[in-house]
Amino acid sequence: LVAGALMGAGDVIAQQLVEQRGLRGHQCPRTLKMMAIGFCFVGPVVGSWYRILDWLIPGSTKVVAVKKVILDQGCFAPCFLGCFLAVTGATNGLSVQENWTKIQQDYMDALMTNYCIWPPVQIANFYFVPLQHRLAVVQCVAIVWNCYLSWKANRM
């Protein structure tokens, strides 16, 4: 639920502050789609990933946190981002070819932006935050990231 609400909030911020659509130009169906993606995809996938990561690399020392960040950012983030872009393209009604073209256009830029934001956040998250609160911490920090992703994914 938190992931869905924060994905929706990120989309509202993207539409109102970044794209400056105004209230009359706001696309409510787009916000609802982003909320659904957060609720049905982002929350369950990221929450499951944190449980798997904690099982693979137990503990919370500094070395463990660094190992988790390397695995998170080296393996999970690239795959998750590609899937996220594919899911948003599909929910926006893109054909398979259009979706693939959009992914090719947006993926590397989004991944490089990811690497500017997430490694320091994740080091702190894995070192200081208990497993049951990691998704909430990430989603709170992710409000800006969600705004960026919404803008990137919905730019045609």
C-alpha atoms as a PDB file:
ATOM      1  CA  LEU A   1       0.000   0.000   0.000  1.00  0.00           C
ATOM      2  CA  VAL A   2       2.817   2.394   0.862  1.00  0.00           C
ATOM      3  CA  ALA A   3       4.592   1.676  -2.430  1.00  0.00           C
ATOM      4  CA  GLY A   4       1.377   2.345  -4.357  1.00  0.00           C
ATOM      5  CA  ALA A   5       0.665   5.587  -2.527  1.00  0.00           C
ATOM      6  CA  LEU A   6       4.218   6.832  -2.971  1.00  0.00           C
ATOM      7  CA  MET A   7       4.308   5.891  -6.658  1.00  0.00           C
ATOM      8  CA  GLY A   8       1.097   7.875  -7.062  1.00  0.00           C
ATOM      9  CA  ALA A   9       2.580  10.816  -5.152  1.00  0.00           C
ATOM     10  CA  GLY A  10       5.671  10.677  -7.351  1.00  0.00           C
ATOM     11  CA  ASP A  11       3.465  10.838 -10.442  1.00  0.00           C
ATOM     12  CA  VAL A  12       1.494  13.795  -9.074  1.00  0.00           C
ATOM     13  CA  ILE A  13       4.765  15.621  -8.394  1.00  0.00           C
ATOM     14  CA  ALA A  14       6.030  14.742 -11.876  1.00  0.00           C
ATOM     15  CA  GLN A  15       2.876  16.032 -13.542  1.00  0.00           C
ATOM     16  CA  GLN A  16       2.511  19.166 -11.433  1.00  0.00           C
ATOM     17  CA  LEU A  17       6.078  20.315 -10.724  1.00  0.00           C
ATOM     18  CA  VAL A  18       8.178  18.812 -13.516  1.00  0.00           C
ATOM     19  CA  GLU A  19       5.734  18.808 -16.422  1.00  0.00           C
ATOM     20  CA  GLN A  20       3.702  21.742 -15.023  1.00  0.00           C
ATOM     21  CA  ARG A  21       0.400  20.355 -16.299  1.00  0.00           C
ATOM     22  CA  GLY A  22      -1.771  22.223 -13.807  1.00  0.00           C
ATOM     23  CA  LEU A  23      -4.863  20.760 -12.198  1.00  0.00           C
ATOM     24  CA  ARG A  24      -6.904  20.819 -15.414  1.00  0.00           C
ATOM     25  CA  GLY A  25      -4.166  19.077 -17.365  1.00  0.00           C
ATOM     26  CA  HIS A  26      -3.503  16.436 -14.718  1.00  0.00           C
ATOM     27  CA  GLN A  27      -3.898  12.904 -16.088  1.00  0.00           C
ATOM     28  CA  CYS A  28      -5.659  11.042 -13.279  1.00  0.00           C
ATOM     29  CA  PRO A  29      -5.603   7.687 -15.134  1.00  0.00           C
ATOM     30  CA  ARG A  30      -1.808   7.954 -15.347  1.00  0.00           C
ATOM     31  CA  THR A  31      -1.592   8.549 -11.575  1.00  0.00           C
ATOM     32  CA  LEU A  32      -3.865   5.568 -10.939  1.00  0.00           C
ATOM     33  CA  LYS A  33      -1.715   3.393 -13.241  1.00  0.00           C
ATOM     34  CA  MET A  34       1.434   4.411 -11.381  1.00  0.00           C
ATOM     35  CA  MET A  35      -0.272   3.637  -8.064  1.00  0.00           C
ATOM     36  CA  ALA A  36      -1.290   0.217  -9.373  1.00  0.00           C
ATOM     37  CA  ILE A  37       2.269  -0.461 -10.568  1.00  0.00           C
ATOM     38  CA  GLY A  38       3.564   0.485  -7.122  1.00  0.00           C
ATOM     39  CA  PHE A  39       1.000  -1.680  -5.368  1.00  0.00           C
ATOM     40  CA  CYS A  40       1.109  -4.722  -7.664  1.00  0.00           C
ATOM     41  CA  PHE A  41       4.718  -4.674  -8.895  1.00  0.00           C
ATOM     42  CA  VAL A  42       7.153  -2.386  -7.036  1.00  0.00           C
ATOM     43  CA  GLY A  43       6.073  -3.169  -3.465  1.00  0.00           C
ATOM     44  CA  PRO A  44       5.895  -6.959  -3.791  1.00  0.00           C
ATOM     45  CA  VAL A  45       9.046  -7.290  -5.913  1.00  0.00           C
ATOM     46  CA  VAL A  46      11.254  -4.977  -3.867  1.00  0.00           C
ATOM     47  CA  GLY A  47       9.916  -6.319  -0.560  1.00  0.00           C
ATOM     48  CA  SER A  48      10.637  -9.891  -1.681  1.00  0.00           C
ATOM     49  CA  TRP A  49      14.070  -8.882  -2.926  1.00  0.00           C
ATOM     50  CA  TYR A  50      15.014  -7.497   0.499  1.00  0.00           C
ATOM     51  CA  ARG A  51      13.973 -10.740   2.173  1.00  0.00           C
ATOM     52  CA  ILE A  52      16.002 -12.766  -0.368  1.00  0.00           C
ATOM     53  CA  LEU A  53      18.993 -10.455   0.001  1.00  0.00           C
ATOM     54  CA  ASP A  54      18.873 -10.771   3.791  1.00  0.00           C
ATOM     55  CA  TRP A  55      18.715 -14.552   3.432  1.00  0.00           C
ATOM     56  CA  LEU A  56      21.644 -14.598   0.968  1.00  0.00           C
ATOM     57  CA  ILE A  57      23.804 -12.201   2.986  1.00  0.00           C
ATOM     58  CA  PRO A  58      22.702 -12.225   6.635  1.00  0.00           C
ATOM     59  CA  GLY A  59      23.878  -9.650   9.130  1.00  0.00           C
ATOM     60  CA  SER A  60      24.224  -5.895   9.324  1.00  0.00           C
ATOM     61  CA  THR A  61      27.922  -5.083   9.597  1.00  0.00           C
ATOM     62  CA  LYS A  62      29.528  -2.501   7.327  1.00  0.00           C
ATOM     63  CA  VAL A  63      31.049  -5.244   5.161  1.00  0.00           C
ATOM     64  CA  VAL A  64      27.676  -6.992   4.886  1.00  0.00           C
ATOM     65  CA  ALA A  65      26.000  -3.688   3.920  1.00  0.00           C
ATOM     66  CA  VAL A  66      28.570  -3.122   1.160  1.00  0.00           C
ATOM     67  CA  LYS A  67      28.089  -6.685  -0.140  1.00  0.00           C
ATOM     68  CA  LYS A  68      24.319  -6.162  -0.193  1.00  0.00           C
ATOM     69  CA  VAL A  69      24.670  -2.872  -2.069  1.00  0.00           C
ATOM     70  CA  ILE A  70      26.944  -4.495  -4.646  1.00  0.00           C
ATOM     71  CA  LEU A  71      24.422  -7.293  -5.219  1.00  0.00           C
ATOM     72  CA  ASP A  72      21.462  -4.905  -5.090  1.00  0.00           C
ATOM     73  CA  GLN A  73      22.910  -2.356  -7.492  1.00  0.00           C
ATOM     74  CA  GLY A  74      24.870  -4.786  -9.656  1.00  0.00           C
ATOM     75  CA  CYS A  75      22.175  -7.417 -10.209  1.00  0.00           C
ATOM     76  CA  PHE A  76      18.759  -6.371  -8.950  1.00  0.00           C
ATOM     77  CA  ALA A  77      18.620  -2.701  -9.958  1.00  0.00           C
ATOM     78  CA  PRO A  78      19.424  -3.234 -13.664  1.00  0.00           C
ATOM     79  CA  CYS A  79      16.868  -6.054 -13.975  1.00  0.00           C
ATOM     80  CA  PHE A  80      14.202  -4.283 -11.932  1.00  0.00           C
ATOM     81  CA  LEU A  81      14.560  -1.053 -13.882  1.00  0.00           C
ATOM     82  CA  GLY A  82      14.175  -2.852 -17.216  1.00  0.00           C
ATOM     83  CA  CYS A  83      11.090  -4.648 -15.942  1.00  0.00           C
ATOM     84  CA  PHE A  84       9.649  -1.430 -14.527  1.00  0.00           C
ATOM     85  CA  LEU A  85      10.042   0.344 -17.866  1.00  0.00           C
ATOM     86  CA  ALA A  86       8.474  -2.630 -19.662  1.00  0.00           C
ATOM     87  CA  VAL A  87       5.507  -2.725 -17.263  1.00  0.00           C
ATOM     88  CA  THR A  88       4.868   1.015 -17.562  1.00  0.00           C
ATOM     89  CA  GLY A  89       5.131   0.823 -21.346  1.00  0.00           C
ATOM     90  CA  ALA A  90       2.625  -2.019 -21.420  1.00  0.00           C
ATOM     91  CA  THR A  91       0.194  -0.200 -19.116  1.00  0.00           C
ATOM     92  CA  ASN A  92       0.522   2.852 -21.377  1.00  0.00           C
ATOM     93  CA  GLY A  93      -0.666   0.736 -24.292  1.00  0.00           C
ATOM     94  CA  LEU A  94       2.597   0.563 -26.216  1.00  0.00           C
ATOM     95  CA  SER A  95       3.021  -2.267 -28.680  1.00  0.00           C
ATOM     96  CA  VAL A  96       5.851  -4.713 -28.044  1.00  0.00           C
ATOM     97  CA  GLN A  97       8.033  -2.942 -30.637  1.00  0.00           C
ATOM     98  CA  GLU A  98       7.187   0.537 -29.319  1.00  0.00           C
ATOM     99  CA  ASN A  99       7.881  -0.636 -25.777  1.00  0.00           C
ATOM    100  CA  TRP A 100      11.239  -2.131 -26.753  1.00  0.00           C
ATOM    101  CA  THR A 101      12.209   1.097 -28.542  1.00  0.00           C
ATOM    102  CA  LYS A 102      11.230   3.168 -25.494  1.00  0.00           C
ATOM    103  CA  ILE A 103      13.192   0.889 -23.168  1.00  0.00           C
ATOM    104  CA  GLN A 104      16.259   1.205 -25.401  1.00  0.00           C
ATOM    105  CA  GLN A 105      15.837   4.986 -25.405  1.00  0.00           C
ATOM    106  CA  ASP A 106      15.363   5.403 -21.621  1.00  0.00           C
ATOM    107  CA  TYR A 107      17.155   2.518 -19.923  1.00  0.00           C
ATOM    108  CA  MET A 108      20.785   3.677 -19.745  1.00  0.00           C
ATOM    109  CA  ASP A 109      19.906   7.195 -18.661  1.00  0.00           C
ATOM    110  CA  ALA A 110      17.596   5.848 -15.949  1.00  0.00           C
ATOM    111  CA  LEU A 111      20.232   3.332 -14.808  1.00  0.00           C
ATOM    112  CA  MET A 112      22.939   6.007 -14.551  1.00  0.00           C
ATOM    113  CA  THR A 113      20.562   8.238 -12.588  1.00  0.00           C
ATOM    114  CA  ASN A 114      19.818   5.237 -10.344  1.00  0.00           C
ATOM    115  CA  TYR A 115      23.536   4.877  -9.631  1.00  0.00           C
ATOM    116  CA  CYS A 116      23.763   8.536  -8.587  1.00  0.00           C
ATOM    117  CA  ILE A 117      20.968   8.179  -6.029  1.00  0.00           C
ATOM    118  CA  TRP A 118      20.707   4.666  -4.647  1.00  0.00           C
ATOM    119  CA  PRO A 119      24.129   3.343  -3.519  1.00  0.00           C
ATOM    120  CA  PRO A 120      24.489   5.755  -0.566  1.00  0.00           C
ATOM    121  CA  VAL A 121      20.832   5.329   0.379  1.00  0.00           C
ATOM    122  CA  GLN A 122      21.160   1.551   0.288  1.00  0.00           C
ATOM    123  CA  ILE A 123      24.375   1.459   2.326  1.00  0.00           C
ATOM    124  CA  ALA A 124      22.573   3.337   5.110  1.00  0.00           C
ATOM    125  CA  ASN A 125      19.442   1.231   4.629  1.00  0.00           C
ATOM    126  CA  PHE A 126      21.255  -2.103   4.840  1.00  0.00           C
ATOM    127  CA  TYR A 127      23.477  -1.014   7.730  1.00  0.00           C
ATOM    128  CA  PHE A 128      21.047   0.847  10.005  1.00  0.00           C
ATOM    129  CA  VAL A 129      17.495  -0.245   9.133  1.00  0.00           C
ATOM    130  CA  PRO A 130      15.870  -3.552  10.216  1.00  0.00           C
ATOM    131  CA  LEU A 131      14.605  -5.761   7.377  1.00  0.00           C
ATOM    132  CA  GLN A 132      10.921  -5.113   8.074  1.00  0.00           C
ATOM    133  CA  HIS A 133      11.396  -1.342   7.591  1.00  0.00           C
ATOM    134  CA  ARG A 134      13.700  -1.293   4.548  1.00  0.00           C
ATOM    135  CA  LEU A 135      10.960  -1.133   1.923  1.00  0.00           C
ATOM    136  CA  ALA A 136       9.313   1.794   3.746  1.00  0.00           C
ATOM    137  CA  VAL A 137      12.623   3.667   3.992  1.00  0.00           C
ATOM    138  CA  VAL A 138      13.350   3.105   0.323  1.00  0.00           C
ATOM    139  CA  GLN A 139       9.854   4.179  -0.697  1.00  0.00           C
ATOM    140  CA  CYS A 140      10.105   7.366   1.371  1.00  0.00           C
ATOM    141  CA  VAL A 141      13.433   8.249  -0.230  1.00  0.00           C
ATOM    142  CA  ALA A 142      11.993   7.114  -3.545  1.00  0.00           C
ATOM    143  CA  ILE A 143       9.392   9.856  -3.752  1.00  0.00           C
ATOM    144  CA  VAL A 144      11.888  11.877  -5.814  1.00  0.00           C
ATOM    145  CA  TRP A 145      12.984   8.744  -7.685  1.00  0.00           C
ATOM    146  CA  ASN A 146       9.342   7.866  -8.396  1.00  0.00           C
ATOM    147  CA  CYS A 147       8.787  11.362  -9.736  1.00  0.00           C
ATOM    148  CA  TYR A 148      11.749  10.868 -12.084  1.00  0.00           C
ATOM    149  CA  LEU A 149      10.605   7.386 -13.126  1.00  0.00           C
ATOM    150  CA  SER A 150       7.059   8.571 -13.774  1.00  0.00           C
ATOM    151  CA  TRP A 151       8.319  11.427 -15.909  1.00  0.00           C
ATOM    152  CA  LYS A 152      10.777   9.145 -17.748  1.00  0.00           C
ATOM    153  CA  ALA A 153       8.296   6.279 -18.255  1.00  0.00           C
ATOM    154  CA  ASN A 154       5.435   8.492 -19.426  1.00  0.00           C
ATOM    155  CA  ARG A 155       7.451  10.714 -21.765  1.00  0.00           C
ATOM    156  CA  MET A 156       6.428   9.651 -25.257  1.00  0.00           C
END
